[in-house]
Amino acid sequence: MSRNIGDVVLSLDSISLSFGGVKALTNISFDVREHEIRAIIGPNGAGKSSMLNVINGVYVPQEGSIKFRGQNFARMNSRQVAEMGVARTFQNLALFKGMSVLDNIMTGRNLRMRTGVLAQMLRIGPAEREELAHREKVERIIDFLEIQSFRKTPVGRLPYGLQKRVDLGRALAMEPSLLLLDEPMAGMNVEEKQDMCRFILDVNDEFGTTIVLIEHDMGVVMDISDRVVVLDYGKKIGDGTPDEVRNNEDVISAYLGVAH
């Protein structure tokens, strides 16, 4: 791909994570470069979601360190991570089903709001001006994701593929420099997957956002990723370009083992 990939922005070094006696991740190291689309793949139970939870501060690994934009972290919390410009979508949609598309995406702006809650509720002075500015940003995201006609629709009434798009919109409303996507195509039909692929590539291209994604659809991963890291039973078994990973014997046997 001809994208302008930059220096390393995130590096994970010897990450190990256990729950009780069960090892979820064992001694995993890899990095993510500015502006790339970096995929994490592997069979079910490989540790992919655990890895994403480590990156965004939900889990604290027992061993290893994380370096983000030159800063070392033994542990991070989710709010700190969000303030540093990391946003995430979830495999199981965590949207407010009764609220409109617009209001759901507005919740992604909370971190950026400076005025107090009371002023926001009463919409006085600076709060009103601030809300209008945030609303403008949200309207731009709605246009970008081509969901203008659903702005006022309660999210719960939308088809699943569009709900996933709203979830992406909410993450984009945080203006992240690093976006974590947890199975963005899960449960989608072919057409919805093609749309989501296009939006992911556009986010990467137009906003310059670095993307780390977990995805089961190997075709999608091979099409849109710059580099792929492969996990199996919590260990890293492959890391490289899509072609390198596709021809890696360990990866082939892990996936063939799943197929048969």
Protein backbone atom coordinates (compact mmCIF):
# COMPACT_ATOMS: atom_id res chain seq x y z
CA MET A 1 0.00 0.00 0.00
CA SER A 2 1.24 3.46 -0.79
CA ARG A 3 0.27 5.05 2.52
CA ASN A 4 2.78 7.20 4.28
CA ILE A 5 3.61 4.99 7.27
CA GLY A 6 5.57 6.78 9.99
CA ASP A 7 7.54 5.86 13.10
CA VAL A 8 6.48 3.51 15.88
CA VAL A 9 3.76 5.12 18.06
CA LEU A 10 2.88 2.12 20.23
CA SER A 11 5.11 -0.72 21.32
CA LEU A 12 4.17 -3.66 23.49
CA ASP A 13 7.09 -5.44 25.06
CA SER A 14 6.91 -8.96 26.58
CA ILE A 15 3.26 -8.64 27.63
CA SER A 16 1.96 -11.49 29.80
CA LEU A 17 -1.53 -11.60 31.28
CA SER A 18 -3.14 -14.27 33.47
CA PHE A 19 -6.53 -14.66 35.10
CA GLY A 20 -6.16 -16.91 38.12
CA GLY A 21 -3.98 -19.70 36.80
CA VAL A 22 -5.06 -19.28 33.20
CA LYS A 23 -2.63 -17.55 30.86
CA ALA A 24 -4.42 -15.28 28.41
CA LEU A 25 -1.25 -13.79 26.88
CA THR A 26 2.32 -15.06 27.08
CA ASN A 27 5.33 -12.87 26.39
CA ILE A 28 3.92 -10.95 23.42
CA SER A 29 5.79 -8.12 21.72
CA PHE A 30 4.84 -6.09 18.66
CA ASP A 31 4.58 -2.47 17.59
CA VAL A 32 2.23 -0.18 15.71
CA ARG A 33 3.42 2.55 13.36
CA GLU A 34 1.92 5.98 12.75
CA HIS A 35 -0.82 5.91 10.09
CA GLU A 36 -0.83 2.16 9.49
CA ILE A 37 -3.67 -0.35 9.65
CA ARG A 38 -2.39 -3.07 11.96
CA ALA A 39 -4.46 -6.26 12.28
CA ILE A 40 -4.50 -8.77 15.14
CA ILE A 41 -5.81 -12.14 14.01
CA GLY A 42 -6.07 -15.68 15.34
CA PRO A 43 -8.54 -18.45 16.05
CA ASN A 44 -11.18 -18.07 18.80
CA GLY A 45 -9.64 -17.91 22.26
CA ALA A 46 -6.29 -16.74 20.87
CA GLY A 47 -6.17 -13.69 23.18
CA LYS A 48 -7.04 -10.98 20.66
CA SER A 49 -9.62 -9.12 22.78
CA SER A 50 -7.37 -9.45 25.85
CA MET A 51 -4.61 -7.76 23.84
CA LEU A 52 -6.92 -4.90 22.89
CA ASN A 53 -7.99 -4.58 26.54
CA VAL A 54 -4.34 -4.29 27.55
CA ILE A 55 -3.77 -1.53 25.00
CA ASN A 56 -6.71 0.55 26.20
CA GLY A 57 -6.10 0.10 29.91
CA VAL A 58 -8.95 -2.25 30.81
CA TYR A 59 -6.51 -5.03 31.81
CA VAL A 60 -3.15 -4.49 33.48
CA PRO A 61 -0.62 -7.12 32.40
CA GLN A 62 1.36 -8.91 35.12
CA GLU A 63 4.52 -8.61 33.03
CA GLY A 64 5.81 -6.41 30.26
CA SER A 65 5.53 -2.75 29.37
CA ILE A 66 3.69 -0.48 26.98
CA LYS A 67 5.24 2.53 25.33
CA PHE A 68 2.88 5.03 23.72
CA ARG A 69 4.28 8.09 21.94
CA GLY A 70 7.56 7.84 23.83
CA GLN A 71 6.03 7.40 27.30
CA ASN A 72 6.47 4.16 29.24
CA PHE A 73 3.52 2.66 31.10
CA ALA A 74 3.44 -0.27 33.46
CA ARG A 75 -0.26 0.38 33.89
CA MET A 76 -2.80 2.71 32.32
CA ASN A 77 -6.44 3.34 33.09
CA SER A 78 -9.11 3.71 30.43
CA ARG A 79 -9.69 7.43 31.02
CA GLN A 80 -5.98 8.20 30.77
CA VAL A 81 -5.84 6.22 27.54
CA ALA A 82 -8.82 8.12 26.10
CA GLU A 83 -7.26 11.46 27.05
CA MET A 84 -4.11 10.41 25.20
CA GLY A 85 -6.11 9.98 22.02
CA VAL A 86 -7.02 6.29 21.96
CA ALA A 87 -10.62 5.36 21.11
CA ARG A 88 -12.25 1.98 20.74
CA THR A 89 -15.29 0.26 19.30
CA PHE A 90 -16.68 -2.89 20.88
CA GLN A 91 -17.61 -6.30 19.57
CA ASN A 92 -20.90 -6.17 21.47
CA LEU A 93 -22.39 -2.80 20.68
CA ALA A 94 -22.44 -0.53 23.73
CA LEU A 95 -24.76 2.05 22.20
CA PHE A 96 -27.69 3.81 23.88
CA LYS A 97 -30.51 2.11 21.96
CA GLY A 98 -33.23 4.61 22.87
CA MET A 99 -31.16 7.65 21.92
CA SER A 100 -30.87 9.09 18.41
CA VAL A 101 -27.88 8.56 16.14
CA LEU A 102 -26.87 12.18 16.68
CA ASP A 103 -27.04 11.94 20.48
CA ASN A 104 -25.10 8.66 20.52
CA ILE A 105 -22.28 10.18 18.51
CA MET A 106 -22.38 13.30 20.73
CA THR A 107 -21.52 11.10 23.74
CA GLY A 108 -18.12 10.62 22.11
CA ARG A 109 -17.50 14.36 22.54
CA ASN A 110 -17.83 14.27 26.36
CA LEU A 111 -14.10 14.07 26.87
CA ARG A 112 -13.64 17.23 24.81
CA MET A 113 -16.24 19.32 26.67
CA ARG A 114 -14.85 21.99 28.93
CA THR A 115 -17.95 23.53 30.56
CA GLY A 116 -19.59 22.01 33.64
CA VAL A 117 -22.51 19.60 33.49
CA LEU A 118 -24.96 22.14 34.98
CA ALA A 119 -24.03 24.78 32.41
CA GLN A 120 -24.43 22.15 29.69
CA MET A 121 -27.89 21.19 30.97
CA LEU A 122 -29.02 24.81 31.15
CA ARG A 123 -27.21 25.61 27.90
CA ILE A 124 -26.01 28.95 29.16
CA GLY A 125 -23.45 31.17 27.44
CA PRO A 126 -20.17 29.33 26.85
CA ALA A 127 -21.89 25.94 27.20
CA GLU A 128 -24.26 26.71 24.35
CA ARG A 129 -21.44 27.92 22.10
CA GLU A 130 -19.42 24.86 22.99
CA GLU A 131 -22.30 22.52 22.27
CA LEU A 132 -22.81 24.10 18.84
CA ALA A 133 -19.14 23.60 18.01
CA HIS A 134 -19.29 19.95 19.11
CA ARG A 135 -22.53 19.43 17.18
CA GLU A 136 -20.82 20.75 14.05
CA LYS A 137 -18.05 18.17 14.45
CA VAL A 138 -20.63 15.42 14.96
CA GLU A 139 -22.58 16.51 11.87
CA ARG A 140 -19.36 16.20 9.86
CA ILE A 141 -18.89 12.63 11.09
CA ILE A 142 -22.52 11.82 10.24
CA ASP A 143 -21.93 13.10 6.69
CA PHE A 144 -18.66 11.20 6.44
CA LEU A 145 -20.35 7.93 7.46
CA GLU A 146 -23.30 8.60 5.13
CA ILE A 147 -25.96 8.30 7.84
CA GLN A 148 -27.56 11.76 7.42
CA SER A 149 -31.03 10.32 6.85
CA PHE A 150 -30.91 8.54 10.24
CA ARG A 151 -29.69 11.48 12.36
CA LYS A 152 -32.83 11.60 14.50
CA THR A 153 -33.62 7.86 14.46
CA PRO A 154 -33.26 5.92 17.73
CA VAL A 155 -30.25 3.64 17.25
CA GLY A 156 -32.20 0.56 18.36
CA ARG A 157 -34.37 0.82 15.24
CA LEU A 158 -31.45 0.69 12.81
CA PRO A 159 -30.22 -2.47 11.09
CA TYR A 160 -27.12 -4.01 12.66
CA GLY A 161 -24.68 -2.80 9.98
CA LEU A 162 -25.75 0.81 10.54
CA GLN A 163 -25.53 0.42 14.33
CA LYS A 164 -21.90 -0.64 13.84
CA ARG A 165 -21.38 2.51 11.77
CA VAL A 166 -22.82 4.65 14.60
CA ASP A 167 -20.43 2.92 17.02
CA LEU A 168 -17.55 3.86 14.71
CA GLY A 169 -18.91 7.43 14.59
CA ARG A 170 -18.94 7.68 18.35
CA ALA A 171 -15.29 6.57 18.51
CA LEU A 172 -14.37 9.07 15.76
CA ALA A 173 -16.09 11.85 17.73
CA MET A 174 -13.27 11.52 20.27
CA GLU A 175 -10.86 12.59 17.50
CA PRO A 176 -8.49 9.72 18.27
CA SER A 177 -4.98 9.44 16.89
CA LEU A 178 -5.18 5.67 17.54
CA LEU A 179 -8.41 3.79 16.89
CA LEU A 180 -8.97 0.24 18.20
CA LEU A 181 -11.62 -1.73 16.32
CA ASP A 182 -12.87 -4.94 17.91
CA GLU A 183 -14.33 -7.11 15.13
CA PRO A 184 -15.87 -4.25 13.16
CA MET A 185 -17.30 -6.65 10.55
CA ALA A 186 -18.72 -9.32 12.88
CA GLY A 187 -22.25 -10.38 11.94
CA MET A 188 -22.34 -8.31 8.76
CA ASN A 189 -23.43 -9.34 5.29
CA VAL A 190 -21.10 -8.92 2.30
CA GLU A 191 -22.39 -5.48 1.34
CA GLU A 192 -22.14 -4.14 4.92
CA LYS A 193 -18.58 -5.49 5.15
CA GLN A 194 -17.61 -3.72 1.93
CA ASP A 195 -19.03 -0.46 3.30
CA MET A 196 -17.20 -0.87 6.61
CA CYS A 197 -13.92 -1.63 4.80
CA ARG A 198 -14.31 1.55 2.78
CA PHE A 199 -14.96 3.63 5.91
CA ILE A 200 -11.97 2.14 7.75
CA LEU A 201 -9.69 2.93 4.79
CA ASP A 202 -11.17 6.45 4.55
CA VAL A 203 -10.70 7.11 8.29
CA ASN A 204 -7.09 6.02 7.94
CA ASP A 205 -6.59 8.09 4.81
CA GLU A 206 -8.60 11.29 5.41
CA PHE A 207 -8.14 11.69 9.18
CA GLY A 208 -4.66 10.14 9.26
CA THR A 209 -5.83 7.86 12.08
CA THR A 210 -3.68 4.89 13.07
CA ILE A 211 -5.86 1.78 13.31
CA VAL A 212 -5.47 -1.50 15.21
CA LEU A 213 -8.18 -4.00 14.40
CA ILE A 214 -9.24 -7.50 15.36
CA GLU A 215 -11.06 -9.27 12.57
CA HIS A 216 -12.08 -12.84 11.76
CA ASP A 217 -12.61 -12.31 8.05
CA MET A 218 -9.20 -13.17 6.61
CA GLY A 219 -10.08 -11.75 3.20
CA VAL A 220 -10.80 -8.37 4.75
CA VAL A 221 -7.63 -8.45 6.84
CA MET A 222 -5.41 -9.31 3.90
CA ASP A 223 -7.03 -6.59 1.78
CA ILE A 224 -6.83 -3.61 4.12
CA SER A 225 -3.94 -4.24 6.56
CA ASP A 226 -0.38 -3.03 6.27
CA ARG A 227 0.89 -5.54 8.84
CA VAL A 228 -0.67 -8.46 10.67
CA VAL A 229 0.19 -10.02 14.04
CA VAL A 230 -1.11 -13.55 14.61
CA LEU A 231 -1.96 -14.96 18.04
CA ASP A 232 -2.77 -18.56 18.94
CA TYR A 233 -3.51 -19.73 22.49
CA GLY A 234 -2.15 -16.43 23.82
CA LYS A 235 1.20 -16.71 22.04
CA LYS A 236 2.47 -14.82 19.01
CA ILE A 237 2.99 -17.17 16.07
CA GLY A 238 3.38 -14.71 13.21
CA ASP A 239 4.00 -11.05 12.45
CA GLY A 240 4.56 -9.29 9.15
CA THR A 241 2.94 -8.13 5.93
CA PRO A 242 -0.22 -9.92 4.80
CA ASP A 243 1.84 -11.94 2.28
CA GLU A 244 4.41 -12.98 4.88
CA VAL A 245 1.69 -14.07 7.28
CA ARG A 246 -0.27 -15.87 4.56
CA ASN A 247 2.80 -18.03 3.80
CA ASN A 248 3.83 -18.64 7.41
CA GLU A 249 3.73 -22.39 8.21
CA ASP A 250 2.71 -21.87 11.88
CA VAL A 251 -0.15 -19.61 10.85
CA ILE A 252 -1.32 -22.04 8.17
CA SER A 253 -1.39 -24.96 10.61
CA ALA A 254 -3.16 -22.93 13.32
CA TYR A 255 -5.88 -21.98 10.85
CA LEU A 256 -6.06 -25.41 9.22
CA GLY A 257 -6.42 -26.86 12.70
CA VAL A 258 -9.46 -24.63 13.14
CA ALA A 259 -10.89 -25.56 9.73
CA HIS A 260 -10.69 -29.31 10.31
